[in-house]
Amino acid sequence: MNRRIKEFVDIGEHVSLDELIARLSEVRDLLPEGSGAELRLRGDDVFGRKITIAYMRELSDEEAEMERRYTEASREAKVLQLERLQAELGINDDVPAARASLRMVA
């Protein structure tokens, strides 16, 4: 599956410069090719600050399987809802499709 998801790595507020450089180097080495990583400073003076690294990665096999099951279940639910709406509106298969059918948009 070619879908990608956004993953986050947080680095706390109180780290030495050497620790920060080592951690950033480690994260950079572990990033997948073409991940499009971004570094941001998040937070405020009240709740604290974090350095956040966001990057895109491919779905794992387990995540892809869950996504596939969810997509199938969602599609089935939409088909049932479409059929119910067509029945309520009195649309049947005898009427020409160009005039009377509803189409499902995913």
PDB file of N, CA and C in Angstrom:
ATOM      1  N   MET A   1       0.847  -1.172   0.000  1.00  0.00           N
ATOM      2  CA  MET A   1       0.000   0.000   0.000  1.00  0.00           C
ATOM      3  C   MET A   1       0.895   1.238   0.000  1.00  0.00           C
ATOM      4  N   ASN A   2       0.549   2.255  -0.774  1.00  0.00           N
ATOM      5  CA  ASN A   2       1.404   3.404  -0.905  1.00  0.00           C
ATOM      6  C   ASN A   2       1.007   4.565  -0.003  1.00  0.00           C
ATOM      7  N   ARG A   3       0.062   4.395   0.871  1.00  0.00           N
ATOM      8  CA  ARG A   3      -0.345   5.459   1.781  1.00  0.00           C
ATOM      9  C   ARG A   3       0.731   5.676   2.826  1.00  0.00           C
ATOM     10  N   ARG A   4       0.947   6.929   3.200  1.00  0.00           N
ATOM     11  CA  ARG A   4       1.958   7.252   4.194  1.00  0.00           C
ATOM     12  C   ARG A   4       1.297   7.957   5.362  1.00  0.00           C
ATOM     13  N   ILE A   5       1.877   7.808   6.545  1.00  0.00           N
ATOM     14  CA  ILE A   5       1.347   8.466   7.721  1.00  0.00           C
ATOM     15  C   ILE A   5       2.420   9.330   8.362  1.00  0.00           C
ATOM     16  N   LYS A   6       1.978  10.315   9.130  1.00  0.00           N
ATOM     17  CA  LYS A   6       2.901  11.226   9.782  1.00  0.00           C
ATOM     18  C   LYS A   6       3.264  10.667  11.155  1.00  0.00           C
ATOM     19  N   GLU A   7       4.536  10.606  11.425  1.00  0.00           N
ATOM     20  CA  GLU A   7       5.077  10.100  12.694  1.00  0.00           C
ATOM     21  C   GLU A   7       5.784  11.268  13.377  1.00  0.00           C
ATOM     22  N   PHE A   8       5.764  11.292  14.721  1.00  0.00           N
ATOM     23  CA  PHE A   8       6.389  12.372  15.472  1.00  0.00           C
ATOM     24  C   PHE A   8       7.445  11.830  16.416  1.00  0.00           C
ATOM     25  N   VAL A   9       8.526  12.601  16.592  1.00  0.00           N
ATOM     26  CA  VAL A   9       9.557  12.324  17.587  1.00  0.00           C
ATOM     27  C   VAL A   9       9.684  13.593  18.414  1.00  0.00           C
ATOM     28  N   ASP A  10       9.510  13.479  19.743  1.00  0.00           N
ATOM     29  CA  ASP A  10       9.620  14.643  20.625  1.00  0.00           C
ATOM     30  C   ASP A  10      10.927  14.589  21.390  1.00  0.00           C
ATOM     31  N   ILE A  11      11.557  15.736  21.511  1.00  0.00           N
ATOM     32  CA  ILE A  11      12.766  15.876  22.315  1.00  0.00           C
ATOM     33  C   ILE A  11      12.439  16.909  23.380  1.00  0.00           C
ATOM     34  N   GLY A  12      12.634  16.536  24.648  1.00  0.00           N
ATOM     35  CA  GLY A  12      12.249  17.392  25.766  1.00  0.00           C
ATOM     36  C   GLY A  12      13.001  18.703  25.818  1.00  0.00           C
ATOM     37  N   GLU A  13      12.569  19.573  26.747  1.00  0.00           N
ATOM     38  CA  GLU A  13      13.091  20.927  26.850  1.00  0.00           C
ATOM     39  C   GLU A  13      14.498  20.988  27.443  1.00  0.00           C
ATOM     40  N   HIS A  14      14.792  20.167  28.418  1.00  0.00           N
ATOM     41  CA  HIS A  14      16.055  20.281  29.149  1.00  0.00           C
ATOM     42  C   HIS A  14      17.035  19.190  28.742  1.00  0.00           C
ATOM     43  N   VAL A  15      17.789  19.449  27.687  1.00  0.00           N
ATOM     44  CA  VAL A  15      18.852  18.543  27.262  1.00  0.00           C
ATOM     45  C   VAL A  15      20.078  19.379  26.929  1.00  0.00           C
ATOM     46  N   SER A  16      21.242  18.800  27.116  1.00  0.00           N
ATOM     47  CA  SER A  16      22.465  19.525  26.768  1.00  0.00           C
ATOM     48  C   SER A  16      22.601  19.596  25.253  1.00  0.00           C
ATOM     49  N   LEU A  17      23.433  20.505  24.792  1.00  0.00           N
ATOM     50  CA  LEU A  17      23.634  20.671  23.359  1.00  0.00           C
ATOM     51  C   LEU A  17      24.210  19.408  22.741  1.00  0.00           C
ATOM     52  N   ASP A  18      25.143  18.754  23.441  1.00  0.00           N
ATOM     53  CA  ASP A  18      25.724  17.515  22.918  1.00  0.00           C
ATOM     54  C   ASP A  18      24.675  16.409  22.816  1.00  0.00           C
ATOM     55  N   GLU A  19      23.807  16.312  23.836  1.00  0.00           N
ATOM     56  CA  GLU A  19      22.727  15.321  23.793  1.00  0.00           C
ATOM     57  C   GLU A  19      21.772  15.612  22.643  1.00  0.00           C
ATOM     58  N   LEU A  20      21.457  16.886  22.445  1.00  0.00           N
ATOM     59  CA  LEU A  20      20.543  17.277  21.367  1.00  0.00           C
ATOM     60  C   LEU A  20      21.129  16.926  20.004  1.00  0.00           C
ATOM     61  N   ILE A  21      22.393  17.249  19.797  1.00  0.00           N
ATOM     62  CA  ILE A  21      23.040  16.940  18.522  1.00  0.00           C
ATOM     63  C   ILE A  21      23.084  15.439  18.293  1.00  0.00           C
ATOM     64  N   ALA A  22      23.421  14.675  19.330  1.00  0.00           N
ATOM     65  CA  ALA A  22      23.474  13.209  19.210  1.00  0.00           C
ATOM     66  C   ALA A  22      22.090  12.650  18.884  1.00  0.00           C
ATOM     67  N   ARG A  23      21.065  13.150  19.566  1.00  0.00           N
ATOM     68  CA  ARG A  23      19.699  12.661  19.349  1.00  0.00           C
ATOM     69  C   ARG A  23      19.222  12.993  17.935  1.00  0.00           C
ATOM     70  N   LEU A  24      19.486  14.222  17.482  1.00  0.00           N
ATOM     71  CA  LEU A  24      19.080  14.608  16.133  1.00  0.00           C
ATOM     72  C   LEU A  24      19.809  13.795  15.078  1.00  0.00           C
ATOM     73  N   SER A  25      21.083  13.530  15.293  1.00  0.00           N
ATOM     74  CA  SER A  25      21.848  12.704  14.346  1.00  0.00           C
ATOM     75  C   SER A  25      21.293  11.288  14.304  1.00  0.00           C
ATOM     76  N   GLU A  26      20.960  10.764  15.486  1.00  0.00           N
ATOM     77  CA  GLU A  26      20.394   9.410  15.560  1.00  0.00           C
ATOM     78  C   GLU A  26      19.059   9.338  14.818  1.00  0.00           C
ATOM     79  N   VAL A  27      18.202  10.325  15.044  1.00  0.00           N
ATOM     80  CA  VAL A  27      16.900  10.351  14.379  1.00  0.00           C
ATOM     81  C   VAL A  27      17.088  10.462  12.873  1.00  0.00           C
ATOM     82  N   ARG A  28      17.995  11.341  12.420  1.00  0.00           N
ATOM     83  CA  ARG A  28      18.244  11.512  10.984  1.00  0.00           C
ATOM     84  C   ARG A  28      18.691  10.202  10.340  1.00  0.00           C
ATOM     85  N   ASP A  29      19.557   9.451  11.034  1.00  0.00           N
ATOM     86  CA  ASP A  29      20.041   8.188  10.482  1.00  0.00           C
ATOM     87  C   ASP A  29      18.951   7.128  10.389  1.00  0.00           C
ATOM     88  N   LEU A  30      17.944   7.219  11.248  1.00  0.00           N
ATOM     89  CA  LEU A  30      16.868   6.224  11.271  1.00  0.00           C
ATOM     90  C   LEU A  30      15.691   6.559  10.354  1.00  0.00           C
ATOM     91  N   LEU A  31      15.669   7.779   9.829  1.00  0.00           N
ATOM     92  CA  LEU A  31      14.548   8.186   8.986  1.00  0.00           C
ATOM     93  C   LEU A  31      14.536   7.415   7.672  1.00  0.00           C
ATOM     94  N   PRO A  32      13.341   7.051   7.195  1.00  0.00           N
ATOM     95  CA  PRO A  32      13.240   6.387   5.896  1.00  0.00           C
ATOM     96  C   PRO A  32      13.613   7.349   4.772  1.00  0.00           C
ATOM     97  N   GLU A  33      14.060   6.799   3.664  1.00  0.00           N
ATOM     98  CA  GLU A  33      14.440   7.597   2.499  1.00  0.00           C
ATOM     99  C   GLU A  33      13.235   8.378   1.982  1.00  0.00           C
ATOM    100  N   GLY A  34      13.434   9.658   1.696  1.00  0.00           N
ATOM    101  CA  GLY A  34      12.359  10.485   1.151  1.00  0.00           C
ATOM    102  C   GLY A  34      11.257  10.789   2.153  1.00  0.00           C
ATOM    103  N   SER A  35      11.593  10.864   3.436  1.00  0.00           N
ATOM    104  CA  SER A  35      10.581  11.040   4.471  1.00  0.00           C
ATOM    105  C   SER A  35      10.078  12.465   4.599  1.00  0.00           C
ATOM    106  N   GLY A  36      10.806  13.427   4.065  1.00  0.00           N
ATOM    107  CA  GLY A  36      10.371  14.818   4.143  1.00  0.00           C
ATOM    108  C   GLY A  36      10.278  15.316   5.573  1.00  0.00           C
ATOM    109  N   ALA A  37      11.299  15.053   6.377  1.00  0.00           N
ATOM    110  CA  ALA A  37      11.275  15.404   7.799  1.00  0.00           C
ATOM    111  C   ALA A  37      11.271  16.917   8.004  1.00  0.00           C
ATOM    112  N   GLU A  38      10.532  17.334   9.056  1.00  0.00           N
ATOM    113  CA  GLU A  38      10.455  18.737   9.445  1.00  0.00           C
ATOM    114  C   GLU A  38      10.770  18.835  10.924  1.00  0.00           C
ATOM    115  N   LEU A  39      11.475  19.882  11.330  1.00  0.00           N
ATOM    116  CA  LEU A  39      11.770  20.118  12.739  1.00  0.00           C
ATOM    117  C   LEU A  39      11.033  21.379  13.164  1.00  0.00           C
ATOM    118  N   ARG A  40      10.319  21.304  14.298  1.00  0.00           N
ATOM    119  CA  ARG A  40       9.573  22.458  14.808  1.00  0.00           C
ATOM    120  C   ARG A  40       9.757  22.568  16.308  1.00  0.00           C
ATOM    121  N   LEU A  41       9.700  23.786  16.795  1.00  0.00           N
ATOM    122  CA  LEU A  41       9.696  24.037  18.224  1.00  0.00           C
ATOM    123  C   LEU A  41       8.250  24.266  18.620  1.00  0.00           C
ATOM    124  N   ARG A  42       7.746  23.453  19.543  1.00  0.00           N
ATOM    125  CA  ARG A  42       6.344  23.546  19.949  1.00  0.00           C
ATOM    126  C   ARG A  42       6.258  23.843  21.439  1.00  0.00           C
ATOM    127  N   GLY A  43       5.143  24.394  21.841  1.00  0.00           N
ATOM    128  CA  GLY A  43       4.888  24.636  23.245  1.00  0.00           C
ATOM    129  C   GLY A  43       4.980  26.101  23.605  1.00  0.00           C
ATOM    130  N   ASP A  44       4.989  26.359  24.938  1.00  0.00           N
ATOM    131  CA  ASP A  44       5.069  27.732  25.437  1.00  0.00           C
ATOM    132  C   ASP A  44       5.742  27.736  26.798  1.00  0.00           C
ATOM    133  N   ASP A  45       5.803  28.913  27.424  1.00  0.00           N
ATOM    134  CA  ASP A  45       6.475  29.048  28.713  1.00  0.00           C
ATOM    135  C   ASP A  45       5.710  28.356  29.837  1.00  0.00           C
ATOM    136  N   VAL A  46       4.414  28.222  29.717  1.00  0.00           N
ATOM    137  CA  VAL A  46       3.596  27.616  30.768  1.00  0.00           C
ATOM    138  C   VAL A  46       3.710  26.092  30.750  1.00  0.00           C
ATOM    139  N   PHE A  47       3.514  25.487  29.598  1.00  0.00           N
ATOM    140  CA  PHE A  47       3.484  24.029  29.497  1.00  0.00           C
ATOM    141  C   PHE A  47       4.813  23.429  29.069  1.00  0.00           C
ATOM    142  N   GLY A  48       5.783  24.259  28.762  1.00  0.00           N
ATOM    143  CA  GLY A  48       7.087  23.764  28.340  1.00  0.00           C
ATOM    144  C   GLY A  48       7.192  23.693  26.830  1.00  0.00           C
ATOM    145  N   ARG A  49       8.405  23.510  26.379  1.00  0.00           N
ATOM    146  CA  ARG A  49       8.666  23.449  24.943  1.00  0.00           C
ATOM    147  C   ARG A  49       9.230  22.093  24.574  1.00  0.00           C
ATOM    148  N   LYS A  50       8.977  21.704  23.338  1.00  0.00           N
ATOM    149  CA  LYS A  50       9.515  20.457  22.801  1.00  0.00           C
ATOM    150  C   LYS A  50       9.977  20.698  21.383  1.00  0.00           C
ATOM    151  N   ILE A  51      11.051  20.032  21.016  1.00  0.00           N
ATOM    152  CA  ILE A  51      11.444  20.002  19.615  1.00  0.00           C
ATOM    153  C   ILE A  51      10.743  18.788  19.033  1.00  0.00           C
ATOM    154  N   THR A  52       9.978  19.002  17.990  1.00  0.00           N
ATOM    155  CA  THR A  52       9.221  17.925  17.372  1.00  0.00           C
ATOM    156  C   THR A  52       9.709  17.708  15.951  1.00  0.00           C
ATOM    157  N   ILE A  53      10.006  16.462  15.636  1.00  0.00           N
ATOM    158  CA  ILE A  53      10.393  16.085  14.289  1.00  0.00           C
ATOM    159  C   ILE A  53       9.243  15.282  13.707  1.00  0.00           C
ATOM    160  N   ALA A  54       8.688  15.760  12.605  1.00  0.00           N
ATOM    161  CA  ALA A  54       7.587  15.076  11.940  1.00  0.00           C
ATOM    162  C   ALA A  54       8.085  14.576  10.596  1.00  0.00           C
ATOM    163  N   TYR A  55       7.723  13.347  10.266  1.00  0.00           N
ATOM    164  CA  TYR A  55       8.129  12.776   8.979  1.00  0.00           C
ATOM    165  C   TYR A  55       7.081  11.792   8.504  1.00  0.00           C
ATOM    166  N   MET A  56       7.118  11.512   7.209  1.00  0.00           N
ATOM    167  CA  MET A  56       6.173  10.578   6.612  1.00  0.00           C
ATOM    168  C   MET A  56       6.833   9.206   6.481  1.00  0.00           C
ATOM    169  N   ARG A  57       6.045   8.169   6.748  1.00  0.00           N
ATOM    170  CA  ARG A  57       6.546   6.811   6.583  1.00  0.00           C
ATOM    171  C   ARG A  57       5.457   5.934   5.991  1.00  0.00           C
ATOM    172  N   GLU A  58       5.879   4.826   5.384  1.00  0.00           N
ATOM    173  CA  GLU A  58       4.936   3.863   4.812  1.00  0.00           C
ATOM    174  C   GLU A  58       4.190   3.149   5.946  1.00  0.00           C
ATOM    175  N   LEU A  59       3.003   2.672   5.656  1.00  0.00           N
ATOM    176  CA  LEU A  59       2.252   1.875   6.621  1.00  0.00           C
ATOM    177  C   LEU A  59       2.952   0.544   6.854  1.00  0.00           C
ATOM    178  N   SER A  60       2.933   0.083   8.099  1.00  0.00           N
ATOM    179  CA  SER A  60       3.441  -1.259   8.368  1.00  0.00           C
ATOM    180  C   SER A  60       2.423  -2.270   7.840  1.00  0.00           C
ATOM    181  N   ASP A  61       2.800  -3.545   7.781  1.00  0.00           N
ATOM    182  CA  ASP A  61       1.878  -4.577   7.292  1.00  0.00           C
ATOM    183  C   ASP A  61       0.619  -4.632   8.150  1.00  0.00           C
ATOM    184  N   GLU A  62       0.784  -4.530   9.472  1.00  0.00           N
ATOM    185  CA  GLU A  62      -0.360  -4.577  10.386  1.00  0.00           C
ATOM    186  C   GLU A  62      -1.271  -3.364  10.172  1.00  0.00           C
ATOM    187  N   GLU A  63      -0.674  -2.175  10.030  1.00  0.00           N
ATOM    188  CA  GLU A  63      -1.464  -0.974   9.791  1.00  0.00           C
ATOM    189  C   GLU A  63      -2.182  -1.046   8.450  1.00  0.00           C
ATOM    190  N   ALA A  64      -1.514  -1.579   7.441  1.00  0.00           N
ATOM    191  CA  ALA A  64      -2.127  -1.708   6.119  1.00  0.00           C
ATOM    192  C   ALA A  64      -3.321  -2.664   6.162  1.00  0.00           C
ATOM    193  N   GLU A  65      -3.201  -3.751   6.913  1.00  0.00           N
ATOM    194  CA  GLU A  65      -4.306  -4.709   7.048  1.00  0.00           C
ATOM    195  C   GLU A  65      -5.496  -4.058   7.752  1.00  0.00           C
ATOM    196  N   MET A  66      -5.228  -3.313   8.825  1.00  0.00           N
ATOM    197  CA  MET A  66      -6.310  -2.624   9.530  1.00  0.00           C
ATOM    198  C   MET A  66      -6.972  -1.591   8.615  1.00  0.00           C
ATOM    199  N   GLU A  67      -6.171  -0.865   7.848  1.00  0.00           N
ATOM    200  CA  GLU A  67      -6.697   0.125   6.910  1.00  0.00           C
ATOM    201  C   GLU A  67      -7.576  -0.546   5.856  1.00  0.00           C
ATOM    202  N   ARG A  68      -7.133  -1.695   5.351  1.00  0.00           N
ATOM    203  CA  ARG A  68      -7.906  -2.419   4.339  1.00  0.00           C
ATOM    204  C   ARG A  68      -9.253  -2.861   4.903  1.00  0.00           C
ATOM    205  N   ARG A  69      -9.241  -3.416   6.120  1.00  0.00           N
ATOM    206  CA  ARG A  69     -10.502  -3.855   6.735  1.00  0.00           C
ATOM    207  C   ARG A  69     -11.435  -2.679   6.972  1.00  0.00           C
ATOM    208  N   TYR A  70     -10.888  -1.582   7.470  1.00  0.00           N
ATOM    209  CA  TYR A  70     -11.705  -0.404   7.735  1.00  0.00           C
ATOM    210  C   TYR A  70     -12.302   0.139   6.438  1.00  0.00           C
ATOM    211  N   THR A  71     -11.495   0.195   5.380  1.00  0.00           N
ATOM    212  CA  THR A  71     -11.961   0.712   4.096  1.00  0.00           C
ATOM    213  C   THR A  71     -13.089  -0.147   3.543  1.00  0.00           C
ATOM    214  N   GLU A  72     -12.952  -1.471   3.629  1.00  0.00           N
ATOM    215  CA  GLU A  72     -14.011  -2.373   3.146  1.00  0.00           C
ATOM    216  C   GLU A  72     -15.293  -2.183   3.950  1.00  0.00           C
ATOM    217  N   ALA A  73     -15.176  -2.103   5.272  1.00  0.00           N
ATOM    218  CA  ALA A  73     -16.357  -1.930   6.111  1.00  0.00           C
ATOM    219  C   ALA A  73     -17.032  -0.589   5.827  1.00  0.00           C
ATOM    220  N   SER A  74     -16.232   0.441   5.631  1.00  0.00           N
ATOM    221  CA  SER A  74     -16.776   1.767   5.332  1.00  0.00           C
ATOM    222  C   SER A  74     -17.503   1.755   3.989  1.00  0.00           C
ATOM    223  N   ARG A  75     -16.926   1.109   3.010  1.00  0.00           N
ATOM    224  CA  ARG A  75     -17.552   1.038   1.678  1.00  0.00           C
ATOM    225  C   ARG A  75     -18.870   0.279   1.745  1.00  0.00           C
ATOM    226  N   GLU A  76     -18.894  -0.835   2.475  1.00  0.00           N
ATOM    227  CA  GLU A  76     -20.133  -1.602   2.624  1.00  0.00           C
ATOM    228  C   GLU A  76     -21.219  -0.764   3.289  1.00  0.00           C
ATOM    229  N   ALA A  77     -20.852   0.005   4.304  1.00  0.00           N
ATOM    230  CA  ALA A  77     -21.819   0.855   4.997  1.00  0.00           C
ATOM    231  C   ALA A  77     -22.366   1.927   4.048  1.00  0.00           C
ATOM    232  N   LYS A  78     -21.500   2.487   3.209  1.00  0.00           N
ATOM    233  CA  LYS A  78     -21.946   3.502   2.252  1.00  0.00           C
ATOM    234  C   LYS A  78     -22.879   2.911   1.207  1.00  0.00           C
ATOM    235  N   VAL A  79     -22.596   1.691   0.759  1.00  0.00           N
ATOM    236  CA  VAL A  79     -23.463   1.033  -0.220  1.00  0.00           C
ATOM    237  C   VAL A  79     -24.847   0.790   0.386  1.00  0.00           C
ATOM    238  N   LEU A  80     -24.884   0.324   1.633  1.00  0.00           N
ATOM    239  CA  LEU A  80     -26.167   0.101   2.307  1.00  0.00           C
ATOM    240  C   LEU A  80     -26.932   1.414   2.476  1.00  0.00           C
ATOM    241  N   GLN A  81     -26.232   2.463   2.845  1.00  0.00           N
ATOM    242  CA  GLN A  81     -26.880   3.756   3.008  1.00  0.00           C
ATOM    243  C   GLN A  81     -27.417   4.252   1.669  1.00  0.00           C
ATOM    244  N   LEU A  82     -26.661   4.080   0.595  1.00  0.00           N
ATOM    245  CA  LEU A  82     -27.106   4.486  -0.736  1.00  0.00           C
ATOM    246  C   LEU A  82     -28.363   3.720  -1.141  1.00  0.00           C
ATOM    247  N   GLU A  83     -28.361   2.412  -0.901  1.00  0.00           N
ATOM    248  CA  GLU A  83     -29.537   1.599  -1.232  1.00  0.00           C
ATOM    249  C   GLU A  83     -30.757   2.043  -0.431  1.00  0.00           C
ATOM    250  N   ARG A  84     -30.550   2.364   0.845  1.00  0.00           N
ATOM    251  CA  ARG A  84     -31.653   2.814   1.693  1.00  0.00           C
ATOM    252  C   ARG A  84     -32.204   4.152   1.188  1.00  0.00           C
ATOM    253  N   LEU A  85     -31.316   5.069   0.811  1.00  0.00           N
ATOM    254  CA  LEU A  85     -31.754   6.360   0.283  1.00  0.00           C
ATOM    255  C   LEU A  85     -32.500   6.194  -1.041  1.00  0.00           C
ATOM    256  N   GLN A  86     -32.006   5.328  -1.911  1.00  0.00           N
ATOM    257  CA  GLN A  86     -32.685   5.091  -3.178  1.00  0.00           C
ATOM    258  C   GLN A  86     -34.064   4.499  -2.949  1.00  0.00           C
ATOM    259  N   ALA A  87     -34.179   3.620  -1.962  1.00  0.00           N
ATOM    260  CA  ALA A  87     -35.495   3.039  -1.652  1.00  0.00           C
ATOM    261  C   ALA A  87     -36.437   4.112  -1.120  1.00  0.00           C
ATOM    262  N   GLU A  88     -35.943   5.009  -0.248  1.00  0.00           N
ATOM    263  CA  GLU A  88     -36.775   6.082   0.294  1.00  0.00           C
ATOM    264  C   GLU A  88     -37.243   7.037  -0.801  1.00  0.00           C
ATOM    265  N   LEU A  89     -36.387   7.280  -1.787  1.00  0.00           N
ATOM    266  CA  LEU A  89     -36.736   8.201  -2.869  1.00  0.00           C
ATOM    267  C   LEU A  89     -37.529   7.526  -3.976  1.00  0.00           C
ATOM    268  N   GLY A  90     -37.694   6.223  -3.883  1.00  0.00           N
ATOM    269  CA  GLY A  90     -38.457   5.497  -4.880  1.00  0.00           C
ATOM    270  C   GLY A  90     -37.692   5.279  -6.168  1.00  0.00           C
ATOM    271  N   ILE A  91     -36.401   5.297  -6.077  1.00  0.00           N
ATOM    272  CA  ILE A  91     -35.572   5.072  -7.259  1.00  0.00           C
ATOM    273  C   ILE A  91     -35.334   3.577  -7.380  1.00  0.00           C
ATOM    274  N   ASN A  92     -35.651   3.035  -8.561  1.00  0.00           N
ATOM    275  CA  ASN A  92     -35.407   1.607  -8.752  1.00  0.00           C
ATOM    276  C   ASN A  92     -34.619   1.394 -10.035  1.00  0.00           C
ATOM    277  N   ASP A  93     -34.278   0.178 -10.312  1.00  0.00           N
ATOM    278  CA  ASP A  93     -33.441  -0.150 -11.471  1.00  0.00           C
ATOM    279  C   ASP A  93     -34.200  -0.054 -12.790  1.00  0.00           C
ATOM    280  N   ASP A  94     -35.545   0.067 -12.753  1.00  0.00           N
ATOM    281  CA  ASP A  94     -36.321   0.149 -13.983  1.00  0.00           C
ATOM    282  C   ASP A  94     -36.219   1.522 -14.640  1.00  0.00           C
ATOM    283  N   VAL A  95     -35.912   2.551 -13.851  1.00  0.00           N
ATOM    284  CA  VAL A  95     -35.829   3.916 -14.362  1.00  0.00           C
ATOM    285  C   VAL A  95     -34.468   4.097 -15.024  1.00  0.00           C
ATOM    286  N   PRO A  96     -34.401   4.811 -16.144  1.00  0.00           N
ATOM    287  CA  PRO A  96     -33.109   5.018 -16.808  1.00  0.00           C
ATOM    288  C   PRO A  96     -32.073   5.613 -15.836  1.00  0.00           C
ATOM    289  N   ALA A  97     -30.880   5.081 -15.892  1.00  0.00           N
ATOM    290  CA  ALA A  97     -29.838   5.449 -14.943  1.00  0.00           C
ATOM    291  C   ALA A  97     -29.422   6.909 -15.046  1.00  0.00           C
ATOM    292  N   ALA A  98     -29.514   7.494 -16.238  1.00  0.00           N
ATOM    293  CA  ALA A  98     -29.065   8.875 -16.412  1.00  0.00           C
ATOM    294  C   ALA A  98     -29.931   9.850 -15.630  1.00  0.00           C
ATOM    295  N   ARG A  99     -31.216   9.521 -15.433  1.00  0.00           N
ATOM    296  CA  ARG A  99     -32.120  10.430 -14.738  1.00  0.00           C
ATOM    297  C   ARG A  99     -32.238  10.151 -13.263  1.00  0.00           C
ATOM    298  N   ALA A 100     -32.205   8.909 -12.853  1.00  0.00           N
ATOM    299  CA  ALA A 100     -32.695   8.599 -11.528  1.00  0.00           C
ATOM    300  C   ALA A 100     -31.677   8.028 -10.541  1.00  0.00           C
ATOM    301  N   SER A 101     -30.555   7.641 -10.988  1.00  0.00           N
ATOM    302  CA  SER A 101     -29.666   6.979 -10.027  1.00  0.00           C
ATOM    303  C   SER A 101     -28.799   7.980  -9.275  1.00  0.00           C
ATOM    304  N   LEU A 102     -28.500   7.634  -8.065  1.00  0.00           N
ATOM    305  CA  LEU A 102     -27.569   8.397  -7.255  1.00  0.00           C
ATOM    306  C   LEU A 102     -26.213   7.726  -7.360  1.00  0.00           C
ATOM    307  N   ARG A 103     -25.177   8.490  -7.277  1.00  0.00           N
ATOM    308  CA  ARG A 103     -23.868   7.850  -7.303  1.00  0.00           C
ATOM    309  C   ARG A 103     -23.193   8.054  -5.956  1.00  0.00           C
ATOM    310  N   MET A 104     -22.381   7.110  -5.596  1.00  0.00           N
ATOM    311  CA  MET A 104     -21.705   7.129  -4.315  1.00  0.00           C
ATOM    312  C   MET A 104     -20.351   7.784  -4.496  1.00  0.00           C
ATOM    313  N   VAL A 105     -20.044   8.726  -3.614  1.00  0.00           N
ATOM    314  CA  VAL A 105     -18.750   9.404  -3.642  1.00  0.00           C
ATOM    315  C   VAL A 105     -17.996   9.024  -2.384  1.00  0.00           C
ATOM    316  N   ALA A 106     -16.803   8.469  -2.547  1.00  0.00           N
ATOM    317  CA  ALA A 106     -16.031   7.999  -1.393  1.00  0.00           C
ATOM    318  C   ALA A 106     -15.305   9.118  -0.732  1.00  0.00           C
TER     319      ALA A 106
END
